[in-house]
Amino acid sequence: MLQLEYVADHLEKRDCRRLVAALHDPHFDLLNNMDAAEHEIPDNISCIKLLIHWNSQLGEGKGQSHVALTHRLKQLGHENLADWLSRTVFHQLGQDLNRTLLMDPFKEPAQTDKTEA
């Protein structure tokens, strides 16, 4: 959620509408006519609401990784924002993984080769 807020805060309104239009397209490459797709996106809804809606709907962003969002950001010329998103998500995944491994109650203590004298 915080990542979506950051993305929304760093896009102009038109760029956000283009991004959401691109996110709704299932094809890997951008549409040839992004202007027509962009006009399908309501212009009276905030960027964060558009992104949250996309992210929460099955058949849209729900269940997808951040890869779709970063891919579209790069295609639309927002490489820095896409790179920030990737770094942030992977950093969070790493923290979650470490936390899971460190807090596992079933984890056995590490074995050592030392013998007691």
Protein backbone atom coordinates (compact mmCIF):
# COMPACT_ATOMS: atom_id res chain seq x y z
CA MET A 1 0.00 0.00 0.00
CA LEU A 2 2.79 2.43 0.87
CA GLN A 3 4.47 1.64 -2.43
CA LEU A 4 1.28 2.49 -4.34
CA GLU A 5 1.00 5.77 -2.43
CA TYR A 6 4.59 6.64 -3.32
CA VAL A 7 4.00 5.86 -7.00
CA ALA A 8 0.77 7.89 -7.02
CA ASP A 9 2.48 10.84 -5.33
CA HIS A 10 5.24 10.90 -7.94
CA LEU A 11 3.08 10.83 -11.06
CA GLU A 12 1.28 13.65 -12.80
CA LYS A 13 -2.46 13.05 -13.23
CA ARG A 14 -2.15 12.27 -16.95
CA ASP A 15 0.81 9.93 -16.37
CA CYS A 16 -1.20 8.08 -13.75
CA ARG A 17 -4.14 7.63 -16.10
CA ARG A 18 -1.78 6.34 -18.81
CA LEU A 19 -0.24 3.94 -16.30
CA VAL A 20 -3.61 2.59 -15.18
CA ALA A 21 -4.72 2.23 -18.81
CA ALA A 22 -1.51 0.31 -19.56
CA LEU A 23 -1.99 -1.88 -16.48
CA HIS A 24 -5.42 -2.92 -17.73
CA ASP A 25 -3.93 -4.13 -21.02
CA PRO A 26 -2.99 -7.83 -20.79
CA HIS A 27 -0.37 -7.62 -23.56
CA PHE A 28 3.34 -7.35 -22.79
CA ASP A 29 3.89 -4.44 -25.17
CA LEU A 30 2.08 -1.13 -24.88
CA LEU A 31 -0.94 -0.46 -27.03
CA ASN A 32 -0.35 1.54 -30.18
CA ASN A 33 -3.20 3.85 -29.24
CA MET A 34 -2.63 4.66 -25.57
CA ASP A 35 -4.68 7.86 -25.92
CA ALA A 36 -7.89 5.91 -26.54
CA ALA A 37 -7.18 3.56 -23.63
CA GLU A 38 -6.36 6.52 -21.40
CA HIS A 39 -9.73 8.15 -22.13
CA GLU A 40 -11.43 5.04 -20.71
CA ILE A 41 -9.96 5.87 -17.28
CA PRO A 42 -12.08 8.32 -15.24
CA ASP A 43 -10.33 11.64 -14.73
CA ASN A 44 -12.25 12.53 -11.55
CA ILE A 45 -10.70 9.74 -9.44
CA SER A 46 -7.40 10.22 -7.64
CA CYS A 47 -4.33 8.33 -8.73
CA ILE A 48 -4.06 6.39 -5.48
CA LYS A 49 -7.70 5.25 -5.77
CA LEU A 50 -7.13 4.11 -9.35
CA LEU A 51 -4.03 2.15 -8.34
CA ILE A 52 -5.70 0.62 -5.28
CA HIS A 53 -8.66 -0.43 -7.41
CA TRP A 54 -6.36 -2.04 -9.98
CA ASN A 55 -4.37 -3.76 -7.23
CA SER A 56 -7.46 -5.18 -5.49
CA GLN A 57 -9.42 -6.62 -8.42
CA LEU A 58 -9.11 -10.19 -9.68
CA GLY A 59 -8.23 -10.19 -13.33
CA GLU A 60 -6.40 -6.91 -12.85
CA GLY A 61 -3.61 -6.42 -10.31
CA LYS A 62 -4.78 -8.67 -7.48
CA GLY A 63 -2.51 -11.66 -7.17
CA GLN A 64 0.11 -10.18 -9.48
CA SER A 65 3.52 -9.22 -8.30
CA HIS A 66 4.96 -5.74 -8.51
CA VAL A 67 6.58 -6.81 -11.78
CA ALA A 68 3.59 -5.73 -13.88
CA LEU A 69 3.63 -2.29 -12.31
CA THR A 70 7.39 -1.82 -12.70
CA HIS A 71 7.23 -3.07 -16.30
CA ARG A 72 4.57 -0.50 -17.21
CA LEU A 73 6.36 2.29 -15.37
CA LYS A 74 9.51 1.59 -17.39
CA GLN A 75 7.57 1.45 -20.65
CA LEU A 76 6.06 4.84 -19.89
CA GLY A 77 9.46 6.41 -19.18
CA HIS A 78 9.44 6.31 -15.37
CA GLU A 79 12.56 4.17 -14.94
CA ASN A 80 13.60 5.78 -11.65
CA LEU A 81 10.20 5.15 -10.11
CA ALA A 82 10.20 1.56 -11.38
CA ASP A 83 13.69 0.97 -9.97
CA TRP A 84 12.66 2.44 -6.61
CA LEU A 85 9.62 0.16 -6.51
CA SER A 86 11.67 -2.95 -7.29
CA ARG A 87 14.30 -2.13 -4.68
CA THR A 88 11.67 -1.40 -2.04
CA VAL A 89 9.66 -4.54 -2.68
CA PHE A 90 12.71 -6.82 -2.74
CA HIS A 91 14.06 -5.19 0.42
CA GLN A 92 10.73 -5.83 2.17
CA LEU A 93 10.66 -9.43 0.94
CA GLY A 94 14.17 -9.94 2.31
CA GLN A 95 13.16 -8.52 5.68
CA ASP A 96 10.07 -10.72 5.79
CA LEU A 97 12.10 -13.80 4.92
CA ASN A 98 14.70 -13.05 7.58
CA ARG A 99 12.00 -12.42 10.16
CA THR A 100 10.32 -15.72 9.28
CA LEU A 101 13.56 -17.66 9.53
CA LEU A 102 14.61 -16.02 12.78
CA MET A 103 11.25 -16.46 14.48
CA ASP A 104 10.61 -20.08 13.42
CA PRO A 105 9.81 -21.95 16.64
CA PHE A 106 10.61 -25.28 14.97
CA LYS A 107 14.07 -24.25 13.86
CA GLU A 108 16.79 -26.40 15.37
CA PRO A 109 19.86 -24.73 16.84
CA ALA A 110 22.89 -24.73 14.59
CA GLN A 111 25.25 -27.65 15.11
CA THR A 112 28.90 -26.91 15.88
CA ASP A 113 31.96 -29.09 15.56
CA LYS A 114 33.34 -27.97 18.91
CA THR A 115 33.65 -30.57 21.62
CA GLU A 116 33.43 -29.65 25.23
CA ALA A 117 36.62 -30.15 27.23
